[in-house]
PDB file of N, CA and C in Angstrom:
ATOM      1  N   UNK A   1      18.697 -30.181  12.044  1.00  0.00           N
ATOM      2  CA  UNK A   1      17.577 -29.222  12.470  1.00  0.00           C
ATOM      3  C   UNK A   1      16.152 -29.657  11.850  1.00  0.00           C
ATOM      4  N   UNK A   2      15.319 -29.802  12.598  1.00  0.00           N
ATOM      5  CA  UNK A   2      13.873 -30.140  12.036  1.00  0.00           C
ATOM      6  C   UNK A   2      13.030 -28.782  11.681  1.00  0.00           C
ATOM      7  N   UNK A   3      12.590 -28.805  10.550  1.00  0.00           N
ATOM      8  CA  UNK A   3      11.996 -27.690   9.904  1.00  0.00           C
ATOM      9  C   UNK A   3      10.247 -28.045  10.021  1.00  0.00           C
ATOM     10  N   UNK A   4       9.744 -27.139  10.628  1.00  0.00           N
ATOM     11  CA  UNK A   4       8.239 -27.443  10.752  1.00  0.00           C
ATOM     12  C   UNK A   4       7.528 -26.828   9.517  1.00  0.00           C
ATOM     13  N   UNK A   5       6.608 -27.701   8.768  1.00  0.00           N
ATOM     14  CA  UNK A   5       5.926 -27.088   7.732  1.00  0.00           C
ATOM     15  C   UNK A   5       4.900 -26.416   8.145  1.00  0.00           C
ATOM     16  N   UNK A   6       4.835 -24.900   7.506  1.00  0.00           N
ATOM     17  CA  UNK A   6       3.894 -24.155   8.052  1.00  0.00           C
ATOM     18  C   UNK A   6       2.724 -24.170   6.799  1.00  0.00           C
ATOM     19  N   UNK A   7       1.558 -23.704   7.154  1.00  0.00           N
ATOM     20  CA  UNK A   7       0.436 -23.593   6.302  1.00  0.00           C
ATOM     21  C   UNK A   7       0.404 -22.088   5.904  1.00  0.00           C
ATOM     22  N   UNK A   8       1.159 -21.836   4.947  1.00  0.00           N
ATOM     23  CA  UNK A   8       1.197 -20.418   4.239  1.00  0.00           C
ATOM     24  C   UNK A   8       0.202 -20.244   3.202  1.00  0.00           C
ATOM     25  N   UNK A   9      -0.480 -19.381   3.108  1.00  0.00           N
ATOM     26  CA  UNK A   9      -1.462 -19.005   2.015  1.00  0.00           C
ATOM     27  C   UNK A   9      -1.077 -17.683   1.268  1.00  0.00           C
ATOM     28  N   UNK A  10      -1.455 -17.682   0.035  1.00  0.00           N
ATOM     29  CA  UNK A  10      -1.338 -16.467  -0.781  1.00  0.00           C
ATOM     30  C   UNK A  10      -1.979 -15.260  -0.234  1.00  0.00           C
ATOM     31  N   UNK A  11      -1.399 -14.086  -0.561  1.00  0.00           N
ATOM     32  CA  UNK A  11      -1.998 -12.900  -0.142  1.00  0.00           C
ATOM     33  C   UNK A  11      -3.278 -12.789  -0.678  1.00  0.00           C
ATOM     34  N   UNK A  12      -3.518 -13.197  -1.883  1.00  0.00           N
ATOM     35  CA  UNK A  12      -4.868 -13.039  -2.550  1.00  0.00           C
ATOM     36  C   UNK A  12      -5.871 -14.059  -1.777  1.00  0.00           C
ATOM     37  N   UNK A  13      -5.444 -15.232  -1.338  1.00  0.00           N
ATOM     38  CA  UNK A  13      -6.393 -16.027  -0.541  1.00  0.00           C
ATOM     39  C   UNK A  13      -6.544 -15.586   0.877  1.00  0.00           C
ATOM     40  N   UNK A  14      -5.631 -14.946   1.312  1.00  0.00           N
ATOM     41  CA  UNK A  14      -5.747 -14.247   2.730  1.00  0.00           C
ATOM     42  C   UNK A  14      -6.844 -13.198   2.695  1.00  0.00           C
ATOM     43  N   UNK A  15      -6.694 -12.375   1.606  1.00  0.00           N
ATOM     44  CA  UNK A  15      -7.695 -11.146   1.499  1.00  0.00           C
ATOM     45  C   UNK A  15      -9.211 -11.817   1.197  1.00  0.00           C
ATOM     46  N   UNK A  16      -9.122 -12.707   0.398  1.00  0.00           N
ATOM     47  CA  UNK A  16     -10.671 -13.202   0.301  1.00  0.00           C
ATOM     48  C   UNK A  16     -11.139 -13.943   1.454  1.00  0.00           C
ATOM     49  N   UNK A  17     -10.351 -14.629   2.218  1.00  0.00           N
ATOM     50  CA  UNK A  17     -10.862 -15.274   3.344  1.00  0.00           C
ATOM     51  C   UNK A  17     -11.082 -14.065   4.537  1.00  0.00           C
ATOM     52  N   UNK A  18     -10.377 -13.055   4.469  1.00  0.00           N
ATOM     53  CA  UNK A  18     -10.600 -11.972   5.431  1.00  0.00           C
ATOM     54  C   UNK A  18     -11.902 -11.241   5.022  1.00  0.00           C
ATOM     55  N   UNK A  19     -12.086 -10.921   3.830  1.00  0.00           N
ATOM     56  CA  UNK A  19     -13.325 -10.298   3.485  1.00  0.00           C
ATOM     57  C   UNK A  19     -14.550 -11.231   3.477  1.00  0.00           C
ATOM     58  N   UNK A  20     -14.507 -12.549   3.386  1.00  0.00           N
ATOM     59  CA  UNK A  20     -15.488 -13.441   3.678  1.00  0.00           C
ATOM     60  C   UNK A  20     -15.892 -13.328   5.140  1.00  0.00           C
ATOM     61  N   UNK A  21     -14.913 -13.509   6.031  1.00  0.00           N
ATOM     62  CA  UNK A  21     -15.031 -13.437   7.432  1.00  0.00           C
ATOM     63  C   UNK A  21     -15.724 -12.236   7.955  1.00  0.00           C
ATOM     64  N   UNK A  22     -15.316 -10.988   7.365  1.00  0.00           N
ATOM     65  CA  UNK A  22     -16.036  -9.796   7.784  1.00  0.00           C
ATOM     66  C   UNK A  22     -17.272  -9.659   7.172  1.00  0.00           C
ATOM     67  N   UNK A  23     -17.627 -10.100   5.988  1.00  0.00           N
ATOM     68  CA  UNK A  23     -18.931 -10.061   5.310  1.00  0.00           C
ATOM     69  C   UNK A  23     -19.765 -11.245   6.408  1.00  0.00           C
ATOM     70  N   UNK A  24     -19.334 -12.327   6.812  1.00  0.00           N
ATOM     71  CA  UNK A  24     -20.153 -13.130   7.614  1.00  0.00           C
ATOM     72  C   UNK A  24     -20.487 -12.396   8.776  1.00  0.00           C
ATOM     73  N   UNK A  25     -19.570 -11.798   9.460  1.00  0.00           N
ATOM     74  CA  UNK A  25     -19.759 -11.326  10.878  1.00  0.00           C
ATOM     75  C   UNK A  25     -20.396  -9.977  10.853  1.00  0.00           C
ATOM     76  N   UNK A  26     -20.315  -8.957   9.884  1.00  0.00           N
ATOM     77  CA  UNK A  26     -20.825  -7.911   9.895  1.00  0.00           C
ATOM     78  C   UNK A  26     -21.916  -7.544   8.742  1.00  0.00           C
ATOM     79  N   UNK A  27     -21.919  -8.466   7.899  1.00  0.00           N
ATOM     80  CA  UNK A  27     -22.913  -8.244   6.710  1.00  0.00           C
ATOM     81  C   UNK A  27     -22.261  -7.330   5.769  1.00  0.00           C
ATOM     82  N   UNK A  28     -22.790  -7.171   4.651  1.00  0.00           N
ATOM     83  CA  UNK A  28     -22.136  -6.402   3.535  1.00  0.00           C
ATOM     84  C   UNK A  28     -22.010  -4.836   3.891  1.00  0.00           C
ATOM     85  N   UNK A  29     -23.208  -4.461   4.416  1.00  0.00           N
ATOM     86  CA  UNK A  29     -23.092  -2.829   4.875  1.00  0.00           C
ATOM     87  C   UNK A  29     -22.143  -2.708   5.934  1.00  0.00           C
ATOM     88  N   UNK A  30     -22.023  -3.535   6.995  1.00  0.00           N
ATOM     89  CA  UNK A  30     -20.936  -3.556   7.975  1.00  0.00           C
ATOM     90  C   UNK A  30     -19.632  -3.425   7.573  1.00  0.00           C
ATOM     91  N   UNK A  31     -19.356  -4.601   6.604  1.00  0.00           N
ATOM     92  CA  UNK A  31     -18.118  -4.671   6.085  1.00  0.00           C
ATOM     93  C   UNK A  31     -17.680  -3.357   5.381  1.00  0.00           C
ATOM     94  N   UNK A  32     -18.585  -2.974   4.594  1.00  0.00           N
ATOM     95  CA  UNK A  32     -18.170  -1.640   3.812  1.00  0.00           C
ATOM     96  C   UNK A  32     -17.967  -0.513   4.936  1.00  0.00           C
ATOM     97  N   UNK A  33     -18.746  -0.340   5.896  1.00  0.00           N
ATOM     98  CA  UNK A  33     -18.484   0.757   6.826  1.00  0.00           C
ATOM     99  C   UNK A  33     -17.098   0.563   7.489  1.00  0.00           C
ATOM    100  N   UNK A  34     -16.693  -0.739   7.935  1.00  0.00           N
ATOM    101  CA  UNK A  34     -15.655  -1.073   8.574  1.00  0.00           C
ATOM    102  C   UNK A  34     -14.276  -0.610   7.618  1.00  0.00           C
ATOM    103  N   UNK A  35     -14.409  -1.171   6.362  1.00  0.00           N
ATOM    104  CA  UNK A  35     -13.374  -0.809   5.428  1.00  0.00           C
ATOM    105  C   UNK A  35     -13.164   0.581   5.110  1.00  0.00           C
ATOM    106  N   UNK A  36     -14.244   1.324   5.154  1.00  0.00           N
ATOM    107  CA  UNK A  36     -14.076   2.960   4.849  1.00  0.00           C
ATOM    108  C   UNK A  36     -13.288   3.586   6.025  1.00  0.00           C
ATOM    109  N   UNK A  37     -13.261   2.993   7.270  1.00  0.00           N
ATOM    110  CA  UNK A  37     -12.524   3.357   8.224  1.00  0.00           C
ATOM    111  C   UNK A  37     -10.944   3.598   8.046  1.00  0.00           C
ATOM    112  N   UNK A  38     -10.503   2.655   7.240  1.00  0.00           N
ATOM    113  CA  UNK A  38      -9.012   2.712   6.655  1.00  0.00           C
ATOM    114  C   UNK A  38      -8.963   3.327   5.447  1.00  0.00           C
ATOM    115  N   UNK A  39      -9.813   3.882   4.872  1.00  0.00           N
ATOM    116  CA  UNK A  39      -9.377   4.630   3.650  1.00  0.00           C
ATOM    117  C   UNK A  39      -9.400   6.246   3.808  1.00  0.00           C
ATOM    118  N   UNK A  40      -8.390   6.825   3.407  1.00  0.00           N
ATOM    119  CA  UNK A  40      -8.367   8.120   3.614  1.00  0.00           C
ATOM    120  C   UNK A  40      -9.155   8.961   2.871  1.00  0.00           C
ATOM    121  N   UNK A  41      -9.676   8.412   1.731  1.00  0.00           N
ATOM    122  CA  UNK A  41     -10.566   9.098   0.783  1.00  0.00           C
ATOM    123  C   UNK A  41     -10.159  10.288   0.142  1.00  0.00           C
ATOM    124  N   UNK A  42      -8.929  10.240  -0.106  1.00  0.00           N
ATOM    125  CA  UNK A  42      -8.281  11.473  -0.863  1.00  0.00           C
ATOM    126  C   UNK A  42      -8.017  12.509   0.163  1.00  0.00           C
ATOM    127  N   UNK A  43      -7.940  12.239   1.351  1.00  0.00           N
ATOM    128  CA  UNK A  43      -7.833  13.349   2.342  1.00  0.00           C
ATOM    129  C   UNK A  43      -6.359  14.057   2.190  1.00  0.00           C
ATOM    130  N   UNK A  44      -6.356  15.363   2.574  1.00  0.00           N
ATOM    131  CA  UNK A  44      -5.069  15.959   2.416  1.00  0.00           C
ATOM    132  C   UNK A  44      -4.802  16.746   1.021  1.00  0.00           C
ATOM    133  N   UNK A  45      -3.762  17.464   1.002  1.00  0.00           N
ATOM    134  CA  UNK A  45      -3.461  18.280  -0.165  1.00  0.00           C
ATOM    135  C   UNK A  45      -2.235  17.921  -0.750  1.00  0.00           C
ATOM    136  N   UNK A  46      -2.159  16.774  -1.700  1.00  0.00           N
ATOM    137  CA  UNK A  46      -0.935  16.147  -2.199  1.00  0.00           C
ATOM    138  C   UNK A  46      -0.094  17.363  -2.751  1.00  0.00           C
ATOM    139  N   UNK A  47      -0.588  18.080  -3.499  1.00  0.00           N
ATOM    140  CA  UNK A  47       0.024  19.112  -4.294  1.00  0.00           C
ATOM    141  C   UNK A  47       0.978  19.993  -3.438  1.00  0.00           C
ATOM    142  N   UNK A  48       0.187  20.467  -2.296  1.00  0.00           N
ATOM    143  CA  UNK A  48       1.056  21.277  -1.338  1.00  0.00           C
ATOM    144  C   UNK A  48       2.079  20.388  -0.403  1.00  0.00           C
ATOM    145  N   UNK A  49       1.596  19.216  -0.005  1.00  0.00           N
ATOM    146  CA  UNK A  49       2.513  18.362   0.766  1.00  0.00           C
ATOM    147  C   UNK A  49       3.693  17.842   0.077  1.00  0.00           C
ATOM    148  N   UNK A  50       3.580  17.646  -1.232  1.00  0.00           N
ATOM    149  CA  UNK A  50       4.802  17.028  -1.953  1.00  0.00           C
ATOM    150  C   UNK A  50       5.869  18.132  -1.999  1.00  0.00           C
ATOM    151  N   UNK A  51       5.802  19.365  -1.643  1.00  0.00           N
ATOM    152  CA  UNK A  51       6.657  20.306  -1.655  1.00  0.00           C
ATOM    153  C   UNK A  51       7.311  20.563  -0.253  1.00  0.00           C
ATOM    154  N   UNK A  52       6.887  19.925   0.724  1.00  0.00           N
ATOM    155  CA  UNK A  52       7.239  19.973   2.117  1.00  0.00           C
ATOM    156  C   UNK A  52       8.611  19.564   2.480  1.00  0.00           C
ATOM    157  N   UNK A  53       8.802  18.215   1.714  1.00  0.00           N
ATOM    158  CA  UNK A  53      10.284  17.834   2.119  1.00  0.00           C
ATOM    159  C   UNK A  53      11.357  18.393   1.360  1.00  0.00           C
ATOM    160  N   UNK A  54      12.491  18.543   2.055  1.00  0.00           N
ATOM    161  CA  UNK A  54      13.553  19.263   1.528  1.00  0.00           C
ATOM    162  C   UNK A  54      14.499  18.262   0.842  1.00  0.00           C
ATOM    163  N   UNK A  55      14.122  17.375  -0.051  1.00  0.00           N
ATOM    164  CA  UNK A  55      14.844  16.197  -0.617  1.00  0.00           C
ATOM    165  C   UNK A  55      15.665  17.048  -1.720  1.00  0.00           C
ATOM    166  N   UNK A  56      16.791  16.487  -1.943  1.00  0.00           N
ATOM    167  CA  UNK A  56      17.758  16.999  -2.939  1.00  0.00           C
ATOM    168  C   UNK A  56      17.234  16.391  -4.231  1.00  0.00           C
ATOM    169  N   UNK A  57      17.150  17.302  -5.325  1.00  0.00           N
ATOM    170  CA  UNK A  57      16.751  16.999  -6.678  1.00  0.00           C
ATOM    171  C   UNK A  57      17.658  17.184  -7.596  1.00  0.00           C
ATOM    172  N   UNK A  58      18.312  16.145  -8.364  1.00  0.00           N
ATOM    173  CA  UNK A  58      19.366  16.477  -9.202  1.00  0.00           C
ATOM    174  C   UNK A  58      19.161  17.489 -10.380  1.00  0.00           C
ATOM    175  N   UNK A  59      20.008  18.165 -10.794  1.00  0.00           N
ATOM    176  CA  UNK A  59      19.848  19.021 -12.000  1.00  0.00           C
ATOM    177  C   UNK A  59      19.750  18.098 -13.329  1.00  0.00           C
ATOM    178  N   UNK A  60      19.446  18.786 -14.411  1.00  0.00           N
ATOM    179  CA  UNK A  60      19.441  18.151 -15.748  1.00  0.00           C
ATOM    180  C   UNK A  60      20.810  17.522 -16.118  1.00  0.00           C
ATOM    181  N   UNK A  61      21.805  18.338 -15.890  1.00  0.00           N
ATOM    182  CA  UNK A  61      23.059  17.873 -16.091  1.00  0.00           C
ATOM    183  C   UNK A  61      23.451  16.599 -15.349  1.00  0.00           C
ATOM    184  N   UNK A  62      23.127  16.598 -14.183  1.00  0.00           N
ATOM    185  CA  UNK A  62      23.548  15.375 -13.344  1.00  0.00           C
ATOM    186  C   UNK A  62      22.770  14.243 -13.772  1.00  0.00           C
ATOM    187  N   UNK A  63      21.471  14.326 -14.118  1.00  0.00           N
ATOM    188  CA  UNK A  63      20.725  13.301 -14.522  1.00  0.00           C
ATOM    189  C   UNK A  63      21.281  12.786 -15.936  1.00  0.00           C
ATOM    190  N   UNK A  64      21.569  13.779 -16.909  1.00  0.00           N
ATOM    191  CA  UNK A  64      22.248  13.082 -18.006  1.00  0.00           C
ATOM    192  C   UNK A  64      23.584  12.366 -17.822  1.00  0.00           C
ATOM    193  N   UNK A  65      24.447  12.816 -17.007  1.00  0.00           N
ATOM    194  CA  UNK A  65      25.603  12.262 -16.569  1.00  0.00           C
ATOM    195  C   UNK A  65      25.377  10.889 -16.016  1.00  0.00           C
ATOM    196  N   UNK A  66      24.334  10.612 -15.214  1.00  0.00           N
ATOM    197  CA  UNK A  66      24.028   9.514 -14.730  1.00  0.00           C
ATOM    198  C   UNK A  66      23.685   8.300 -15.564  1.00  0.00           C
ATOM    199  N   UNK A  67      23.117   8.877 -16.783  1.00  0.00           N
ATOM    200  CA  UNK A  67      22.772   7.928 -17.967  1.00  0.00           C
ATOM    201  C   UNK A  67      23.661   7.636 -19.092  1.00  0.00           C
ATOM    202  N   UNK A  68      24.909   8.448 -19.125  1.00  0.00           N
ATOM    203  CA  UNK A  68      25.793   8.362 -20.153  1.00  0.00           C
ATOM    204  C   UNK A  68      26.613   7.018 -20.004  1.00  0.00           C
ATOM    205  N   UNK A  69      26.905   6.589 -21.183  1.00  0.00           N
ATOM    206  CA  UNK A  69      27.479   5.343 -21.076  1.00  0.00           C
ATOM    207  C   UNK A  69      29.001   5.429 -20.845  1.00  0.00           C
ATOM    208  N   UNK A  70      29.529   4.593 -20.051  1.00  0.00           N
ATOM    209  CA  UNK A  70      31.032   4.769 -19.642  1.00  0.00           C
ATOM    210  C   UNK A  70      31.949   4.139 -20.645  1.00  0.00           C
TER     211      UNK A  70
END
């Protein structure tokens, strides 16, 4: 089987290249406005929302049993 060599760049390099491309195309102010569209800016009420899930939470006794040495 022939393996094609791919030009893979690191996440850091990808992020840097992307930000530079945005800055070139939109300018600094435009880049900031564009990125702000993806930032929720603390929207929502985490304190209230975290209790909406009916996830099972183990009791103190169950937690202690999980960490006991066998």
